[in-house]
Amino acid sequence: MKRVVFNQKGGVGKSTIAVNLAAIAASRGKRTLLIDLDAQCNATQYVLGDEPIQPRHSVAEFFEQSLTYRFSKLDVDDFVRNTPWPNLDLMPGSPALADLHTKLESRSKFKTLAKALDELSRYEEIVIDTPPALNFYTRSALIAADGCVIPFDCDDFSRQALYNLLDSVEEIRDDHNERLRIEGILVNQFLPRASQPTRIVQALIDEGLPVLDAKLSASVKIRESHDASKPMIAFAPNHKLTEEFIAVYDELERNAARAKKAGKH
């Protein structure tokens, strides 16, 4: 399963969600790869803390070499490294991604990542964190993925932006990746007792949009998890927010199993 976490809006928890979904998969014994496509490298820092990244162990170096060598000469394993967590590997992000963007886009290297991930059959789960923009890296991730999880903040601005995002994902599915499906809209930092978030979420459900039943609460514990560079499943395994992340993961897995049984991509 190749899953991308994407929203064009910043600050909606993409990196946090990507890391925690990957960590839960790994905790269940699944060989898991986390890919950080954001030049800000938040997912990488969340997993590794301040540990320095060797230049050859980064997704930026992978893309850099794709500009020079034919894909058949690239060994994807050169850009993947271990993490402190069993079963969880990482293709780290790099600030150099920002400088490479224009070169990669001009050379139409949009399918490079998809080809690379097809070579990594040893992974049962691949989770891709993306930048807050529909740019080369996000398009590459969506072309490579089986499913897309969309984090959502409960405000009217986010709701209006959501419609354009859904159209963009659908366009990529139609033009480049027919197996891509939206796995669900994940409501983050949900306040169930507040009227506005409840109203907005219900409006999305009434419109028939794929809002996940499982939601993530607001909690200072997630910031503590960031500071400790430990995913919630390792940092606070019995915390309410950890249980919510597990519920999200389980719902995504159930939805994926149903889609596969129904013969849908």
C-alpha atoms as a PDB file:
ATOM      1  CA  MET A   1       0.000   0.000   0.000  1.00  0.00           C
ATOM      2  CA  LYS A   2       1.390   3.361  -1.055  1.00  0.00           C
ATOM      3  CA  ARG A   3      -0.338   6.225   0.771  1.00  0.00           C
ATOM      4  CA  VAL A   4       0.236   9.957   0.314  1.00  0.00           C
ATOM      5  CA  VAL A   5      -0.793  12.566   2.890  1.00  0.00           C
ATOM      6  CA  PHE A   6      -1.621  15.792   1.070  1.00  0.00           C
ATOM      7  CA  ASN A   7      -3.251  19.169   1.453  1.00  0.00           C
ATOM      8  CA  GLN A   8      -2.274  22.373  -0.317  1.00  0.00           C
ATOM      9  CA  LYS A   9      -2.931  24.279   2.908  1.00  0.00           C
ATOM     10  CA  GLY A  10      -0.054  24.474   5.373  1.00  0.00           C
ATOM     11  CA  GLY A  11      -0.353  23.812   9.081  1.00  0.00           C
ATOM     12  CA  VAL A  12      -2.939  21.043   8.847  1.00  0.00           C
ATOM     13  CA  GLY A  13      -0.716  18.330  10.317  1.00  0.00           C
ATOM     14  CA  LYS A  14       0.467  16.488   7.197  1.00  0.00           C
ATOM     15  CA  SER A  15       3.872  15.550   8.569  1.00  0.00           C
ATOM     16  CA  THR A  16       2.500  14.587  11.971  1.00  0.00           C
ATOM     17  CA  ILE A  17      -0.141  12.366  10.396  1.00  0.00           C
ATOM     18  CA  ALA A  18       2.282  10.770   7.912  1.00  0.00           C
ATOM     19  CA  VAL A  19       4.815   9.910  10.615  1.00  0.00           C
ATOM     20  CA  ASN A  20       2.258   8.496  13.020  1.00  0.00           C
ATOM     21  CA  LEU A  21       0.497   6.375  10.390  1.00  0.00           C
ATOM     22  CA  ALA A  22       3.871   4.988   9.298  1.00  0.00           C
ATOM     23  CA  ALA A  23       4.886   4.305  12.903  1.00  0.00           C
ATOM     24  CA  ILE A  24       1.653   2.433  13.628  1.00  0.00           C
ATOM     25  CA  ALA A  25       2.125   0.251  10.541  1.00  0.00           C
ATOM     26  CA  ALA A  26       5.692  -0.506  11.626  1.00  0.00           C
ATOM     27  CA  SER A  27       4.590  -1.272  15.194  1.00  0.00           C
ATOM     28  CA  ARG A  28       2.351  -3.989  13.761  1.00  0.00           C
ATOM     29  CA  GLY A  29       5.272  -5.730  12.153  1.00  0.00           C
ATOM     30  CA  LYS A  30       4.817  -4.315   8.656  1.00  0.00           C
ATOM     31  CA  ARG A  31       7.976  -3.330   6.827  1.00  0.00           C
ATOM     32  CA  THR A  32       7.297   0.363   6.312  1.00  0.00           C
ATOM     33  CA  LEU A  33       8.955   3.184   4.385  1.00  0.00           C
ATOM     34  CA  LEU A  34       8.354   6.856   5.149  1.00  0.00           C
ATOM     35  CA  ILE A  35       9.261   9.329   2.383  1.00  0.00           C
ATOM     36  CA  ASP A  36       9.691  13.038   3.146  1.00  0.00           C
ATOM     37  CA  LEU A  37       9.138  15.151   0.019  1.00  0.00           C
ATOM     38  CA  ASP A  38       8.970  18.486   1.851  1.00  0.00           C
ATOM     39  CA  ALA A  39      12.016  20.774   1.781  1.00  0.00           C
ATOM     40  CA  GLN A  40      11.137  21.798   5.347  1.00  0.00           C
ATOM     41  CA  CYS A  41      11.937  18.202   6.403  1.00  0.00           C
ATOM     42  CA  ASN A  42       9.439  18.159   9.282  1.00  0.00           C
ATOM     43  CA  ALA A  43       8.751  14.439   8.980  1.00  0.00           C
ATOM     44  CA  THR A  44      12.481  13.688   8.915  1.00  0.00           C
ATOM     45  CA  GLN A  45      13.110  15.773  12.034  1.00  0.00           C
ATOM     46  CA  TYR A  46      10.146  14.181  13.791  1.00  0.00           C
ATOM     47  CA  VAL A  47      11.643  10.721  13.300  1.00  0.00           C
ATOM     48  CA  LEU A  48      15.370  11.472  13.614  1.00  0.00           C
ATOM     49  CA  GLY A  49      15.522  14.609  15.755  1.00  0.00           C
ATOM     50  CA  ASP A  50      18.736  16.572  15.265  1.00  0.00           C
ATOM     51  CA  GLU A  51      20.636  13.614  13.842  1.00  0.00           C
ATOM     52  CA  PRO A  52      22.541  14.817  10.761  1.00  0.00           C
ATOM     53  CA  ILE A  53      21.562  13.356   7.394  1.00  0.00           C
ATOM     54  CA  GLN A  54      24.284  12.142   5.072  1.00  0.00           C
ATOM     55  CA  PRO A  55      23.805  13.788   1.657  1.00  0.00           C
ATOM     56  CA  ARG A  56      23.569  10.434  -0.119  1.00  0.00           C
ATOM     57  CA  HIS A  57      20.743   9.387   2.199  1.00  0.00           C
ATOM     58  CA  SER A  58      18.087  11.797   0.974  1.00  0.00           C
ATOM     59  CA  VAL A  59      15.262  11.984  -1.495  1.00  0.00           C
ATOM     60  CA  ALA A  60      16.889  15.112  -2.949  1.00  0.00           C
ATOM     61  CA  GLU A  61      19.982  13.132  -3.916  1.00  0.00           C
ATOM     62  CA  PHE A  62      17.740  10.486  -5.484  1.00  0.00           C
ATOM     63  CA  PHE A  63      16.087  13.117  -7.684  1.00  0.00           C
ATOM     64  CA  GLU A  64      19.434  14.783  -8.394  1.00  0.00           C
ATOM     65  CA  GLN A  65      20.880  11.552  -9.712  1.00  0.00           C
ATOM     66  CA  SER A  66      17.756  10.899 -11.770  1.00  0.00           C
ATOM     67  CA  LEU A  67      18.710  13.975 -13.801  1.00  0.00           C
ATOM     68  CA  THR A  68      22.083  12.453 -14.648  1.00  0.00           C
ATOM     69  CA  TYR A  69      21.650   8.693 -14.814  1.00  0.00           C
ATOM     70  CA  ARG A  70      19.128   6.465 -16.460  1.00  0.00           C
ATOM     71  CA  PHE A  71      16.713   5.016 -13.939  1.00  0.00           C
ATOM     72  CA  SER A  72      18.046   1.512 -14.487  1.00  0.00           C
ATOM     73  CA  LYS A  73      21.381   2.666 -13.043  1.00  0.00           C
ATOM     74  CA  LEU A  74      19.866   4.044  -9.828  1.00  0.00           C
ATOM     75  CA  ASP A  75      19.829   1.852  -6.729  1.00  0.00           C
ATOM     76  CA  VAL A  76      16.944   3.130  -4.597  1.00  0.00           C
ATOM     77  CA  ASP A  77      18.424   1.496  -1.506  1.00  0.00           C
ATOM     78  CA  ASP A  78      21.216   4.086  -1.582  1.00  0.00           C
ATOM     79  CA  PHE A  79      18.734   6.749  -0.532  1.00  0.00           C
ATOM     80  CA  VAL A  80      16.899   4.835   2.211  1.00  0.00           C
ATOM     81  CA  ARG A  81      18.135   4.641   5.780  1.00  0.00           C
ATOM     82  CA  ASN A  82      17.113   2.967   9.012  1.00  0.00           C
ATOM     83  CA  THR A  83      15.373   4.787  11.854  1.00  0.00           C
ATOM     84  CA  PRO A  84      15.395   4.111  15.606  1.00  0.00           C
ATOM     85  CA  TRP A  85      12.058   2.338  15.213  1.00  0.00           C
ATOM     86  CA  PRO A  86      11.857  -1.346  14.224  1.00  0.00           C
ATOM     87  CA  ASN A  87      10.420  -2.001  10.732  1.00  0.00           C
ATOM     88  CA  LEU A  88      10.445   1.718   9.870  1.00  0.00           C
ATOM     89  CA  ASP A  89      12.820   3.017   7.189  1.00  0.00           C
ATOM     90  CA  LEU A  90      13.093   6.581   5.947  1.00  0.00           C
ATOM     91  CA  MET A  91      13.913   8.340   2.701  1.00  0.00           C
ATOM     92  CA  PRO A  92      14.796  11.674   4.314  1.00  0.00           C
ATOM     93  CA  GLY A  93      13.846  15.082   3.053  1.00  0.00           C
ATOM     94  CA  SER A  94      16.381  17.806   2.295  1.00  0.00           C
ATOM     95  CA  PRO A  95      16.320  21.595   1.848  1.00  0.00           C
ATOM     96  CA  ALA A  96      17.947  20.903  -1.544  1.00  0.00           C
ATOM     97  CA  LEU A  97      14.528  19.800  -2.819  1.00  0.00           C
ATOM     98  CA  ALA A  98      13.610  23.464  -3.259  1.00  0.00           C
ATOM     99  CA  ASP A  99      16.517  24.100  -5.654  1.00  0.00           C
ATOM    100  CA  LEU A 100      15.827  20.951  -7.684  1.00  0.00           C
ATOM    101  CA  HIS A 101      12.164  21.634  -8.295  1.00  0.00           C
ATOM    102  CA  THR A 102      12.455  23.654 -11.502  1.00  0.00           C
ATOM    103  CA  LYS A 103      14.989  21.275 -13.073  1.00  0.00           C
ATOM    104  CA  LEU A 104      12.865  18.228 -12.347  1.00  0.00           C
ATOM    105  CA  GLU A 105       9.688  19.847 -13.622  1.00  0.00           C
ATOM    106  CA  SER A 106      11.325  21.064 -16.832  1.00  0.00           C
ATOM    107  CA  ARG A 107      12.614  17.542 -17.508  1.00  0.00           C
ATOM    108  CA  SER A 108       9.148  16.039 -16.807  1.00  0.00           C
ATOM    109  CA  LYS A 109      10.476  13.610 -14.203  1.00  0.00           C
ATOM    110  CA  PHE A 110       7.015  13.111 -12.707  1.00  0.00           C
ATOM    111  CA  LYS A 111       7.095   9.312 -12.923  1.00  0.00           C
ATOM    112  CA  THR A 112      10.572   8.848 -11.464  1.00  0.00           C
ATOM    113  CA  LEU A 113       9.269   8.296  -7.943  1.00  0.00           C
ATOM    114  CA  ALA A 114       6.566   5.883  -9.120  1.00  0.00           C
ATOM    115  CA  LYS A 115       9.169   3.753 -10.921  1.00  0.00           C
ATOM    116  CA  ALA A 116      11.370   3.755  -7.823  1.00  0.00           C
ATOM    117  CA  LEU A 117       8.581   2.649  -5.514  1.00  0.00           C
ATOM    118  CA  ASP A 118       7.624  -0.150  -7.873  1.00  0.00           C
ATOM    119  CA  GLU A 119      11.138  -1.491  -7.305  1.00  0.00           C
ATOM    120  CA  LEU A 120      10.671  -1.558  -3.510  1.00  0.00           C
ATOM    121  CA  SER A 121       8.508  -4.640  -3.249  1.00  0.00           C
ATOM    122  CA  ARG A 122       9.884  -5.523   0.192  1.00  0.00           C
ATOM    123  CA  TYR A 123       7.793  -2.789   1.817  1.00  0.00           C
ATOM    124  CA  GLU A 124       4.237  -3.585   2.817  1.00  0.00           C
ATOM    125  CA  GLU A 125       3.449   0.066   3.553  1.00  0.00           C
ATOM    126  CA  ILE A 126       4.830   3.265   2.040  1.00  0.00           C
ATOM    127  CA  VAL A 127       3.715   6.616   3.467  1.00  0.00           C
ATOM    128  CA  ILE A 128       4.620   9.836   1.651  1.00  0.00           C
ATOM    129  CA  ASP A 129       4.656  13.264   3.273  1.00  0.00           C
ATOM    130  CA  THR A 130       4.218  16.157   0.842  1.00  0.00           C
ATOM    131  CA  PRO A 131       4.776  19.924   0.771  1.00  0.00           C
ATOM    132  CA  PRO A 132       1.806  22.311   1.131  1.00  0.00           C
ATOM    133  CA  ALA A 133       1.507  22.953  -2.610  1.00  0.00           C
ATOM    134  CA  LEU A 134       0.420  21.142  -5.753  1.00  0.00           C
ATOM    135  CA  ASN A 135       3.946  21.174  -7.160  1.00  0.00           C
ATOM    136  CA  PHE A 136       6.289  18.676  -8.812  1.00  0.00           C
ATOM    137  CA  TYR A 137       6.828  16.668  -5.623  1.00  0.00           C
ATOM    138  CA  THR A 138       3.159  16.406  -4.734  1.00  0.00           C
ATOM    139  CA  ARG A 139       2.216  15.418  -8.270  1.00  0.00           C
ATOM    140  CA  SER A 140       4.975  12.795  -8.261  1.00  0.00           C
ATOM    141  CA  ALA A 141       3.623  11.387  -5.001  1.00  0.00           C
ATOM    142  CA  LEU A 142       0.055  11.234  -6.273  1.00  0.00           C
ATOM    143  CA  ILE A 143       1.183   9.538  -9.493  1.00  0.00           C
ATOM    144  CA  ALA A 144       3.035   6.946  -7.401  1.00  0.00           C
ATOM    145  CA  ALA A 145       0.372   6.327  -4.731  1.00  0.00           C
ATOM    146  CA  ASP A 146      -2.544   3.969  -4.311  1.00  0.00           C
ATOM    147  CA  GLY A 147      -4.395   6.233  -1.912  1.00  0.00           C
ATOM    148  CA  CYS A 148      -4.540   9.818  -0.682  1.00  0.00           C
ATOM    149  CA  VAL A 149      -5.383  10.977   2.841  1.00  0.00           C
ATOM    150  CA  ILE A 150      -6.424  14.618   3.097  1.00  0.00           C
ATOM    151  CA  PRO A 151      -5.957  16.310   6.493  1.00  0.00           C
ATOM    152  CA  PHE A 152      -8.609  18.940   7.150  1.00  0.00           C
ATOM    153  CA  ASP A 153      -8.911  21.817   9.615  1.00  0.00           C
ATOM    154  CA  CYS A 154     -12.454  22.774  10.536  1.00  0.00           C
ATOM    155  CA  ASP A 155     -12.817  26.284   9.126  1.00  0.00           C
ATOM    156  CA  ASP A 156     -14.621  27.752   6.149  1.00  0.00           C
ATOM    157  CA  PHE A 157     -11.418  28.742   4.322  1.00  0.00           C
ATOM    158  CA  SER A 158     -10.200  25.153   4.479  1.00  0.00           C
ATOM    159  CA  ARG A 159     -13.578  23.956   3.266  1.00  0.00           C
ATOM    160  CA  GLN A 160     -13.479  26.147   0.159  1.00  0.00           C
ATOM    161  CA  ALA A 161      -9.910  25.069  -0.614  1.00  0.00           C
ATOM    162  CA  LEU A 162     -10.908  21.434  -0.186  1.00  0.00           C
ATOM    163  CA  TYR A 163     -13.084  21.423  -3.301  1.00  0.00           C
ATOM    164  CA  ASN A 164     -10.192  22.558  -5.520  1.00  0.00           C
ATOM    165  CA  LEU A 165      -7.933  19.968  -3.913  1.00  0.00           C
ATOM    166  CA  LEU A 166     -10.407  17.168  -4.605  1.00  0.00           C
ATOM    167  CA  ASP A 167     -10.633  18.275  -8.237  1.00  0.00           C
ATOM    168  CA  SER A 168      -6.839  18.267  -8.528  1.00  0.00           C
ATOM    169  CA  VAL A 169      -6.542  14.740  -7.148  1.00  0.00           C
ATOM    170  CA  GLU A 170      -9.296  13.547  -9.478  1.00  0.00           C
ATOM    171  CA  GLU A 171      -7.537  15.118 -12.464  1.00  0.00           C
ATOM    172  CA  ILE A 172      -4.287  13.323 -11.637  1.00  0.00           C
ATOM    173  CA  ARG A 173      -6.197  10.070 -11.259  1.00  0.00           C
ATOM    174  CA  ASP A 174      -7.837  10.500 -14.664  1.00  0.00           C
ATOM    175  CA  ASP A 175      -4.669  11.590 -16.473  1.00  0.00           C
ATOM    176  CA  HIS A 176      -1.838   9.683 -14.799  1.00  0.00           C
ATOM    177  CA  ASN A 177      -2.816   7.125 -12.157  1.00  0.00           C
ATOM    178  CA  GLU A 178      -6.103   5.299 -12.496  1.00  0.00           C
ATOM    179  CA  ARG A 179      -5.561   3.303  -9.289  1.00  0.00           C
ATOM    180  CA  LEU A 180      -5.358   6.450  -7.139  1.00  0.00           C
ATOM    181  CA  ARG A 181      -8.303   6.922  -4.810  1.00  0.00           C
ATOM    182  CA  ILE A 182      -9.111   9.336  -2.028  1.00  0.00           C
ATOM    183  CA  GLU A 183      -9.019   7.213   1.110  1.00  0.00           C
ATOM    184  CA  GLY A 184     -10.630   9.818   3.265  1.00  0.00           C
ATOM    185  CA  ILE A 185     -10.742  13.359   4.588  1.00  0.00           C
ATOM    186  CA  LEU A 186      -9.166  13.293   8.038  1.00  0.00           C
ATOM    187  CA  VAL A 187     -10.451  15.923  10.438  1.00  0.00           C
ATOM    188  CA  ASN A 188      -7.555  17.146  12.575  1.00  0.00           C
ATOM    189  CA  GLN A 189      -7.605  19.064  15.874  1.00  0.00           C
ATOM    190  CA  PHE A 190     -11.317  18.421  16.123  1.00  0.00           C
ATOM    191  CA  LEU A 191     -13.313  20.095  18.910  1.00  0.00           C
ATOM    192  CA  PRO A 192     -16.530  18.069  19.136  1.00  0.00           C
ATOM    193  CA  ARG A 193     -18.199  20.443  21.597  1.00  0.00           C
ATOM    194  CA  ALA A 194     -17.661  23.506  19.426  1.00  0.00           C
ATOM    195  CA  SER A 195     -20.511  24.346  17.072  1.00  0.00           C
ATOM    196  CA  GLN A 196     -18.504  25.540  14.036  1.00  0.00           C
ATOM    197  CA  PRO A 197     -16.325  22.424  13.561  1.00  0.00           C
ATOM    198  CA  THR A 198     -19.322  20.156  14.032  1.00  0.00           C
ATOM    199  CA  ARG A 199     -21.352  22.179  11.523  1.00  0.00           C
ATOM    200  CA  ILE A 200     -18.598  22.159   8.894  1.00  0.00           C
ATOM    201  CA  VAL A 201     -17.898  18.442   9.230  1.00  0.00           C
ATOM    202  CA  GLN A 202     -21.580  17.598   8.989  1.00  0.00           C
ATOM    203  CA  ALA A 203     -21.894  19.765   5.871  1.00  0.00           C
ATOM    204  CA  LEU A 204     -19.077  17.781   4.207  1.00  0.00           C
ATOM    205  CA  ILE A 205     -20.756  14.507   5.158  1.00  0.00           C
ATOM    206  CA  ASP A 206     -24.096  15.743   3.820  1.00  0.00           C
ATOM    207  CA  GLU A 207     -22.401  16.530   0.511  1.00  0.00           C
ATOM    208  CA  GLY A 208     -21.281  12.919   0.272  1.00  0.00           C
ATOM    209  CA  LEU A 209     -17.583  13.609   0.724  1.00  0.00           C
ATOM    210  CA  PRO A 210     -15.471  10.755   2.180  1.00  0.00           C
ATOM    211  CA  VAL A 211     -14.975  12.107   5.706  1.00  0.00           C
ATOM    212  CA  LEU A 212     -13.402   9.499   7.963  1.00  0.00           C
ATOM    213  CA  ASP A 213     -15.327   8.516  11.066  1.00  0.00           C
ATOM    214  CA  ALA A 214     -12.132   8.602  13.124  1.00  0.00           C
ATOM    215  CA  LYS A 215     -10.935  12.102  13.993  1.00  0.00           C
ATOM    216  CA  LEU A 216      -7.911  13.584  15.728  1.00  0.00           C
ATOM    217  CA  SER A 217      -8.284  15.777  18.805  1.00  0.00           C
ATOM    218  CA  ALA A 218      -6.258  18.846  19.645  1.00  0.00           C
ATOM    219  CA  SER A 219      -3.638  17.989  22.260  1.00  0.00           C
ATOM    220  CA  VAL A 220      -0.393  19.474  23.593  1.00  0.00           C
ATOM    221  CA  LYS A 221       0.883  15.892  23.738  1.00  0.00           C
ATOM    222  CA  ILE A 222       1.612  15.962  20.032  1.00  0.00           C
ATOM    223  CA  ARG A 223       4.021  18.880  20.515  1.00  0.00           C
ATOM    224  CA  GLU A 224       5.750  16.955  23.258  1.00  0.00           C
ATOM    225  CA  SER A 225       6.002  14.047  20.843  1.00  0.00           C
ATOM    226  CA  HIS A 226       7.634  16.327  18.278  1.00  0.00           C
ATOM    227  CA  ASP A 227      10.120  17.649  20.833  1.00  0.00           C
ATOM    228  CA  ALA A 228      11.035  14.106  21.869  1.00  0.00           C
ATOM    229  CA  SER A 229      11.311  12.962  18.218  1.00  0.00           C
ATOM    230  CA  LYS A 230       9.085  10.010  19.013  1.00  0.00           C
ATOM    231  CA  PRO A 231       5.853   9.058  17.224  1.00  0.00           C
ATOM    232  CA  MET A 232       2.886   8.839  19.565  1.00  0.00           C
ATOM    233  CA  ILE A 233       2.792   5.022  19.496  1.00  0.00           C
ATOM    234  CA  ALA A 234       6.250   5.068  21.106  1.00  0.00           C
ATOM    235  CA  PHE A 235       5.997   8.288  23.116  1.00  0.00           C
ATOM    236  CA  ALA A 236       2.618   7.806  24.793  1.00  0.00           C
ATOM    237  CA  PRO A 237       1.088   4.476  23.696  1.00  0.00           C
ATOM    238  CA  ASN A 238      -1.927   4.745  26.027  1.00  0.00           C
ATOM    239  CA  HIS A 239      -2.784   8.373  25.342  1.00  0.00           C
ATOM    240  CA  LYS A 240      -6.169   9.274  23.854  1.00  0.00           C
ATOM    241  CA  LEU A 241      -4.540  10.839  20.788  1.00  0.00           C
ATOM    242  CA  THR A 242      -2.535   7.675  20.158  1.00  0.00           C
ATOM    243  CA  GLU A 243      -5.762   5.686  20.271  1.00  0.00           C
ATOM    244  CA  GLU A 244      -7.240   8.127  17.751  1.00  0.00           C
ATOM    245  CA  PHE A 245      -4.290   7.671  15.387  1.00  0.00           C
ATOM    246  CA  ILE A 246      -4.753   3.910  15.680  1.00  0.00           C
ATOM    247  CA  ALA A 247      -8.466   4.307  14.917  1.00  0.00           C
ATOM    248  CA  VAL A 248      -7.601   6.347  11.811  1.00  0.00           C
ATOM    249  CA  TYR A 249      -5.119   3.709  10.640  1.00  0.00           C
ATOM    250  CA  ASP A 250      -7.597   0.883  11.239  1.00  0.00           C
ATOM    251  CA  GLU A 251     -10.346   2.702   9.350  1.00  0.00           C
ATOM    252  CA  LEU A 252      -8.038   3.324   6.395  1.00  0.00           C
ATOM    253  CA  GLU A 253      -7.090  -0.354   6.355  1.00  0.00           C
ATOM    254  CA  ARG A 254     -10.734  -1.441   6.449  1.00  0.00           C
ATOM    255  CA  ASN A 255     -11.586   0.946   3.620  1.00  0.00           C
ATOM    256  CA  ALA A 256      -8.654  -0.329   1.568  1.00  0.00           C
ATOM    257  CA  ALA A 257      -9.707  -3.948   2.114  1.00  0.00           C
ATOM    258  CA  ARG A 258     -13.273  -3.161   1.034  1.00  0.00           C
ATOM    259  CA  ALA A 259     -12.073  -1.323  -2.067  1.00  0.00           C
ATOM    260  CA  LYS A 260      -9.823  -4.226  -3.007  1.00  0.00           C
ATOM    261  CA  LYS A 261     -12.631  -6.732  -2.492  1.00  0.00           C
ATOM    262  CA  ALA A 262     -14.941  -4.635  -4.644  1.00  0.00           C
ATOM    263  CA  GLY A 263     -12.292  -4.500  -7.363  1.00  0.00           C
ATOM    264  CA  LYS A 264     -11.804  -0.755  -7.075  1.00  0.00           C
ATOM    265  CA  HIS A 265      -8.469   1.023  -7.320  1.00  0.00           C
END
